[in-house]
N, C-alpha and C. Protein backbone atom coordinates (compact mmCIF):
# COMPACT_ATOMS: atom_id res chain seq x y z
N UNK A 1 106.11 145.84 37.91
CA UNK A 1 105.97 145.91 35.95
C UNK A 1 106.40 144.07 36.28
N UNK A 2 105.56 143.19 35.30
CA UNK A 2 106.16 141.56 35.12
C UNK A 2 107.48 141.87 34.18
N UNK A 3 107.79 140.57 34.32
CA UNK A 3 109.18 140.56 33.83
C UNK A 3 108.43 138.92 32.82
N UNK A 4 109.62 139.50 31.57
CA UNK A 4 109.10 137.20 30.23
C UNK A 4 110.46 137.30 30.27
N UNK A 5 110.19 136.01 30.51
CA UNK A 5 110.68 134.69 29.93
C UNK A 5 111.01 135.08 28.12
N UNK A 6 112.13 134.71 26.90
CA UNK A 6 111.26 134.45 25.91
C UNK A 6 112.10 133.47 25.77
N UNK A 7 112.34 133.27 24.14
CA UNK A 7 112.57 132.30 24.08
C UNK A 7 113.21 132.21 22.85
N UNK A 8 114.47 132.30 22.33
CA UNK A 8 114.40 133.06 20.41
C UNK A 8 115.63 131.50 20.51
N UNK A 9 115.09 131.67 18.33
CA UNK A 9 115.62 129.87 18.58
C UNK A 9 115.95 130.75 17.17
N UNK A 10 117.85 130.23 16.52
CA UNK A 10 117.85 130.43 15.70
C UNK A 10 116.88 129.49 14.28
N UNK A 11 116.84 129.89 13.36
CA UNK A 11 116.66 128.56 13.11
C UNK A 11 117.64 128.95 11.00
N UNK A 12 116.99 128.15 9.97
CA UNK A 12 117.53 128.06 8.62
C UNK A 12 117.75 128.64 7.85
N UNK A 13 116.55 129.55 8.83
CA UNK A 13 116.52 130.88 6.71
C UNK A 13 118.32 131.75 7.83
N UNK A 14 118.49 132.09 9.06
CA UNK A 14 118.96 132.96 9.47
C UNK A 14 118.34 134.08 10.39
N UNK A 15 116.68 133.80 10.54
CA UNK A 15 116.34 134.67 11.93
C UNK A 15 116.23 134.09 12.41
N UNK A 16 115.82 134.37 14.22
CA UNK A 16 115.28 135.07 15.85
C UNK A 16 114.69 135.06 15.73
N UNK A 17 113.28 133.11 16.07
CA UNK A 17 112.36 133.33 16.26
C UNK A 17 111.97 133.17 17.38
N UNK A 18 111.88 134.46 17.84
CA UNK A 18 111.28 134.55 19.15
C UNK A 18 109.72 134.56 19.79
N UNK A 19 110.19 133.97 20.56
CA UNK A 19 108.57 133.57 21.02
C UNK A 19 108.30 133.64 23.10
N UNK A 20 107.22 133.32 23.20
CA UNK A 20 107.02 133.52 24.39
C UNK A 20 105.56 132.80 25.15
N UNK A 21 106.62 131.80 26.21
CA UNK A 21 105.94 131.23 26.52
C UNK A 21 104.63 131.81 27.56
N UNK A 22 104.33 132.78 29.03
CA UNK A 22 103.57 132.68 28.82
C UNK A 22 102.48 134.41 28.60
N UNK A 23 102.51 134.06 27.11
CA UNK A 23 101.60 134.80 26.06
C UNK A 23 101.73 134.82 24.64
N UNK A 24 100.18 133.90 24.63
CA UNK A 24 100.03 133.47 23.53
C UNK A 24 99.60 134.54 22.44
N UNK A 25 100.79 134.10 21.60
CA UNK A 25 100.42 134.27 19.74
C UNK A 25 101.09 135.57 19.93
N UNK A 26 102.46 135.87 21.16
CA UNK A 26 103.24 137.11 21.22
C UNK A 26 104.24 136.06 20.79
N UNK A 27 104.87 136.58 19.12
CA UNK A 27 106.31 136.01 18.32
C UNK A 27 106.60 136.86 17.01
N UNK A 28 107.99 137.02 17.26
CA UNK A 28 107.39 137.84 16.50
C UNK A 28 109.64 137.25 15.29
N UNK A 29 109.82 137.87 14.55
CA UNK A 29 111.17 137.26 13.89
C UNK A 29 112.10 137.91 14.69
N UNK A 30 113.85 137.93 14.53
CA UNK A 30 115.16 139.05 14.03
C UNK A 30 116.20 138.94 13.64
N UNK A 31 116.64 139.59 13.25
CA UNK A 31 118.68 139.26 12.47
C UNK A 31 118.93 138.86 13.42
N UNK A 32 118.72 140.31 14.43
CA UNK A 32 120.20 139.92 15.68
C UNK A 32 119.45 139.46 16.45
N UNK A 33 120.23 139.74 18.10
CA UNK A 33 119.83 138.92 19.23
C UNK A 33 119.33 140.29 20.03
N UNK A 34 120.60 140.76 19.91
CA UNK A 34 119.82 142.16 19.93
C UNK A 34 119.54 143.10 20.20
N UNK A 35 118.27 142.91 19.19
CA UNK A 35 117.05 143.35 18.09
C UNK A 35 115.93 142.59 19.33
N UNK A 36 116.17 141.72 20.10
CA UNK A 36 114.95 141.16 20.83
C UNK A 36 113.45 141.06 22.03
N UNK A 37 114.45 141.77 22.74
CA UNK A 37 114.32 142.81 23.69
C UNK A 37 112.86 143.71 23.05
N UNK A 38 113.06 145.03 22.37
CA UNK A 38 113.07 145.52 21.59
C UNK A 38 111.59 145.01 20.62
N UNK A 39 111.95 143.95 19.48
CA UNK A 39 110.97 143.39 19.19
C UNK A 39 109.94 143.06 19.44
N UNK A 40 110.17 141.47 20.86
CA UNK A 40 109.48 141.72 21.40
C UNK A 40 108.56 141.67 22.40
N UNK A 41 108.83 143.13 22.96
CA UNK A 41 108.44 144.40 23.58
C UNK A 41 106.84 144.64 23.19
N UNK A 42 106.80 144.60 21.14
CA UNK A 42 105.67 145.14 21.04
C UNK A 42 104.65 143.77 20.89
N UNK A 43 105.46 142.53 20.76
CA UNK A 43 104.54 141.18 20.23
C UNK A 43 103.62 142.15 21.42
N UNK A 44 104.87 140.85 22.65
CA UNK A 44 104.03 141.38 23.59
C UNK A 44 103.10 142.42 23.92
N UNK A 45 103.27 143.48 23.63
CA UNK A 45 102.42 144.74 23.98
C UNK A 45 101.02 145.16 23.18
N UNK A 46 101.15 143.76 22.27
CA UNK A 46 100.19 143.80 21.36
C UNK A 46 99.01 143.17 21.24
N UNK A 47 99.73 141.76 22.01
CA UNK A 47 99.44 140.53 22.36
C UNK A 47 97.91 140.86 23.85
N UNK A 48 98.91 141.67 25.77
CA UNK A 48 98.45 142.37 25.84
C UNK A 48 98.02 143.64 26.39
N UNK A 49 98.40 144.60 25.45
CA UNK A 49 97.98 145.89 25.59
C UNK A 49 98.62 146.11 26.77
N UNK A 50 99.47 145.77 27.85
CA UNK A 50 100.31 146.56 28.03
C UNK A 50 101.39 146.25 27.36
N UNK A 51 102.57 147.62 27.63
CA UNK A 51 104.11 147.49 27.04
C UNK A 51 105.57 147.68 28.23
N UNK A 52 105.24 145.44 27.48
CA UNK A 52 106.57 145.67 29.03
C UNK A 52 107.93 146.70 28.93
N UNK A 53 109.07 146.87 29.50
CA UNK A 53 109.89 147.45 30.27
C UNK A 53 111.04 146.28 29.68
N UNK A 54 111.75 146.87 27.92
CA UNK A 54 113.01 145.71 27.49
C UNK A 54 113.53 145.26 28.65
N UNK A 55 113.99 146.28 28.88
CA UNK A 55 115.02 145.57 30.62
C UNK A 55 114.54 144.79 31.36
N UNK A 56 113.15 144.89 31.62
CA UNK A 56 112.27 143.10 32.33
C UNK A 56 111.80 142.21 31.33
N UNK A 57 113.21 141.96 30.38
CA UNK A 57 112.46 140.64 29.79
C UNK A 57 113.81 139.86 29.42
N UNK A 58 113.64 138.72 29.75
CA UNK A 58 114.90 138.00 29.67
C UNK A 58 114.69 136.86 28.43
N UNK A 59 116.32 136.17 28.12
CA UNK A 59 116.32 136.45 25.87
C UNK A 59 117.74 134.90 26.87
N UNK A 60 115.89 133.69 26.65
CA UNK A 60 116.76 132.25 26.77
C UNK A 60 117.37 132.03 25.40
N UNK A 61 118.28 131.93 24.85
CA UNK A 61 117.98 131.41 23.00
C UNK A 61 118.69 129.98 23.04
N UNK A 62 119.13 129.34 21.28
CA UNK A 62 119.29 128.10 21.66
C UNK A 62 119.38 128.22 19.70
N UNK A 63 120.98 128.15 19.56
CA UNK A 63 121.64 127.55 18.87
C UNK A 63 121.71 126.22 19.09
N UNK A 64 120.47 124.89 17.54
CA UNK A 64 121.24 123.61 18.39
C UNK A 64 121.85 123.05 17.34
N UNK A 65 122.69 122.22 17.68
CA UNK A 65 123.87 121.37 17.03
C UNK A 65 125.73 121.99 18.14
N UNK A 66 126.89 121.94 17.51
CA UNK A 66 127.80 122.28 17.89
C UNK A 66 128.64 124.01 18.38
N UNK A 67 127.51 124.75 17.03
CA UNK A 67 127.63 126.07 17.73
C UNK A 67 127.18 126.26 18.68
N UNK A 68 125.88 126.10 18.88
CA UNK A 68 125.58 126.44 20.35
C UNK A 68 125.43 126.13 21.87
N UNK A 69 125.91 124.78 21.80
CA UNK A 69 126.81 124.24 22.05
C UNK A 69 128.51 124.89 22.10
N UNK A 70 128.97 125.36 21.69
CA UNK A 70 130.48 126.08 21.73
C UNK A 70 130.07 127.43 22.38
N UNK A 71 129.88 127.98 21.85
CA UNK A 71 128.62 129.49 22.60
C UNK A 71 127.75 129.43 24.15
N UNK A 72 127.79 128.43 24.35
CA UNK A 72 127.02 128.01 25.92
C UNK A 72 128.18 128.02 26.55
N UNK A 73 128.97 127.40 26.49
CA UNK A 73 129.99 126.44 27.12
C UNK A 73 130.80 128.02 27.19
N UNK A 74 131.22 128.98 26.28
CA UNK A 74 131.74 130.27 26.36
C UNK A 74 131.37 131.13 27.01
N UNK A 75 130.51 130.63 27.47
CA UNK A 75 129.33 131.90 27.85
C UNK A 75 129.44 131.88 28.71
N UNK A 76 129.28 130.32 29.37
CA UNK A 76 129.34 129.98 31.11
C UNK A 76 130.80 130.66 31.83
N UNK A 77 131.92 130.37 30.55
CA UNK A 77 132.77 129.98 31.58
C UNK A 77 133.17 131.37 31.73
N UNK A 78 132.74 132.38 30.55
CA UNK A 78 133.33 133.92 30.56
C UNK A 78 132.50 134.77 32.25
N UNK A 79 131.55 133.48 32.55
CA UNK A 79 130.76 133.67 33.92
C UNK A 79 131.72 133.29 34.72
N UNK A 80 132.23 132.26 35.02
CA UNK A 80 132.78 131.78 35.56
C UNK A 80 133.83 132.46 35.35
N UNK A 81 134.53 133.02 34.84
CA UNK A 81 136.57 134.41 34.67
C UNK A 81 135.37 134.95 36.23
N UNK A 82 134.55 136.25 35.31
CA UNK A 82 133.97 137.36 35.73
C UNK A 82 134.17 136.75 37.40
N UNK A 83 133.55 135.84 37.93
CA UNK A 83 133.12 135.81 39.71
C UNK A 83 134.70 135.06 40.00
N UNK A 84 135.69 134.05 39.72
CA UNK A 84 136.97 133.76 39.58
C UNK A 84 137.79 135.61 39.91
N UNK A 85 137.43 136.48 39.05
CA UNK A 85 137.93 138.11 38.79
C UNK A 85 137.79 138.71 40.21
N UNK A 86 136.35 138.73 39.90
CA UNK A 86 135.51 139.44 41.30
C UNK A 86 136.47 139.07 43.13
N UNK A 87 136.69 137.27 42.64
CA UNK A 87 137.57 137.00 43.81
C UNK A 87 138.65 137.26 44.69
N UNK A 88 139.70 137.31 42.85
CA UNK A 88 140.84 137.77 42.60
C UNK A 88 140.74 139.01 43.76
N UNK A 89 139.53 140.09 43.28
CA UNK A 89 139.99 141.72 44.24
C UNK A 89 139.98 141.34 45.19
N UNK A 90 138.66 140.66 45.14
CA UNK A 90 138.79 141.13 46.83
C UNK A 90 139.33 140.52 47.75
N UNK A 91 140.47 139.45 47.06
CA UNK A 91 141.82 138.81 48.28
C UNK A 91 142.92 139.84 47.73
N UNK A 92 142.79 139.63 46.96
CA UNK A 92 144.23 140.81 47.34
C UNK A 92 144.30 142.56 47.77
N UNK A 93 142.98 143.14 47.13
CA UNK A 93 142.94 144.32 48.83
C UNK A 93 143.37 143.75 50.26
N UNK A 94 142.15 141.85 49.73
CA UNK A 94 142.95 141.99 51.68
C UNK A 94 144.36 141.35 52.72
N UNK A 95 144.74 141.38 51.04
CA UNK A 95 146.79 140.85 51.39
C UNK A 95 146.80 142.31 51.10
N UNK A 96 147.00 143.28 50.59
CA UNK A 96 147.96 144.71 50.42
C UNK A 96 147.55 144.58 52.10
N UNK A 97 146.33 144.92 52.40
CA UNK A 97 145.70 145.51 53.31
C UNK A 97 146.77 144.80 54.71
N UNK A 98 146.70 143.34 54.87
CA UNK A 98 147.55 142.76 56.02
C UNK A 98 148.80 143.62 54.74
N UNK A 99 149.65 142.77 54.42
CA UNK A 99 151.47 143.17 53.84
C UNK A 99 151.65 144.37 54.32
N UNK A 100 150.35 145.55 53.65
CA UNK A 100 150.74 146.87 54.59
C UNK A 100 151.30 147.50 55.76
N UNK A 101 150.14 146.24 56.64
CA UNK A 101 150.24 146.66 57.83
C UNK A 101 151.32 146.41 58.83
N UNK A 102 151.57 145.55 58.03
CA UNK A 102 152.55 144.59 58.63
C UNK A 102 154.07 145.42 57.91
N UNK A 103 154.24 145.91 57.59
CA UNK A 103 155.06 146.62 57.29
C UNK A 103 155.93 146.31 55.95
N UNK A 104 155.60 146.01 55.10
CA UNK A 104 155.86 144.79 54.06
C UNK A 104 155.80 146.58 52.36
N UNK A 105 156.82 146.06 52.06
CA UNK A 105 157.49 147.70 50.95
C UNK A 105 156.81 147.75 50.21
N UNK A 106 156.43 148.35 49.21
CA UNK A 106 155.16 147.74 48.49
C UNK A 106 155.57 148.05 46.85
N UNK A 107 157.07 147.27 46.41
CA UNK A 107 157.25 146.06 45.27
C UNK A 107 157.39 146.01 46.35
N UNK A 108 157.40 145.75 47.33
CA UNK A 108 157.12 143.81 48.12
C UNK A 108 156.17 142.90 47.44
N UNK A 109 155.24 143.91 48.59
CA UNK A 109 153.92 143.36 48.64
C UNK A 109 153.09 143.28 46.59
N UNK A 110 153.18 144.11 46.07
CA UNK A 110 153.14 143.42 44.31
C UNK A 110 153.88 142.70 44.57
N UNK A 111 155.89 141.86 44.23
CA UNK A 111 155.79 141.30 43.69
C UNK A 111 154.77 139.54 44.19
N UNK A 112 154.44 140.20 45.84
CA UNK A 112 154.05 138.73 46.19
C UNK A 112 152.73 138.85 46.15
N UNK A 113 151.66 140.04 45.21
CA UNK A 113 150.60 138.99 45.44
C UNK A 113 151.04 139.65 43.38
N UNK A 114 151.25 139.82 42.42
CA UNK A 114 151.09 139.48 41.33
C UNK A 114 150.20 141.09 40.64
N UNK A 115 150.44 142.25 41.33
CA UNK A 115 150.44 143.49 40.99
C UNK A 115 151.17 144.15 40.78
N UNK A 116 151.38 145.41 40.27
CA UNK A 116 151.68 145.97 40.18
C UNK A 116 152.71 147.13 41.72
N UNK A 117 154.08 147.06 41.29
CA UNK A 117 153.87 148.60 43.07
C UNK A 117 152.89 149.45 42.81
N UNK A 118 153.15 149.92 41.81
CA UNK A 118 152.08 151.39 41.50
C UNK A 118 150.74 150.93 41.57
N UNK A 119 149.97 149.82 41.60
CA UNK A 119 148.31 149.04 42.50
C UNK A 119 148.14 149.29 43.16
N UNK A 120 149.26 148.16 43.56
CA UNK A 120 149.62 147.74 45.83
C UNK A 120 149.46 149.48 46.03
N UNK A 121 150.30 150.28 45.65
CA UNK A 121 150.05 151.64 45.82
C UNK A 121 148.92 152.23 46.29
N UNK A 122 148.14 151.69 45.31
CA UNK A 122 146.73 152.85 44.89
C UNK A 122 145.60 152.11 45.76
N UNK A 123 146.63 150.26 46.61
CA UNK A 123 145.35 149.84 46.86
C UNK A 123 145.35 150.47 49.33
N UNK A 124 146.52 150.54 49.46
CA UNK A 124 147.02 150.86 49.76
C UNK A 124 146.50 152.69 50.48
N UNK A 125 146.01 153.14 49.27
CA UNK A 125 145.23 154.73 49.89
C UNK A 125 143.42 154.80 49.79
N UNK A 126 143.77 153.42 49.35
CA UNK A 126 141.44 152.75 48.96
C UNK A 126 141.16 152.45 50.64
N UNK A 127 141.04 153.76 51.33
CA UNK A 127 140.27 152.90 52.75
C UNK A 127 138.61 154.30 52.83
């Protein structure tokens, strides 16, 4: 199934103007970003004769000015935070395993890794 990348641009009338660079004439307007995939899928179908699965549509949004820059920075930092949280989880599980094998108490393991002793206990039981 073909995937599409679409561009949603915020205009000064309060609407998202959505275009598909790969499909000439596929354009729509939406009030909210969560409506883009379904609405543009319909426009793509009208132009191509094939209905794309909305989950195969990637939305690249653009908001001009400081608001857009701030939103993009927040999205970028959230992505980085998710990656760091995943790495912290893996590292914590490894540390708990190693400390438990070394004979440390669950309370000490919790203190050393920054988690509760109850969570340390859960992690030692997840094998």
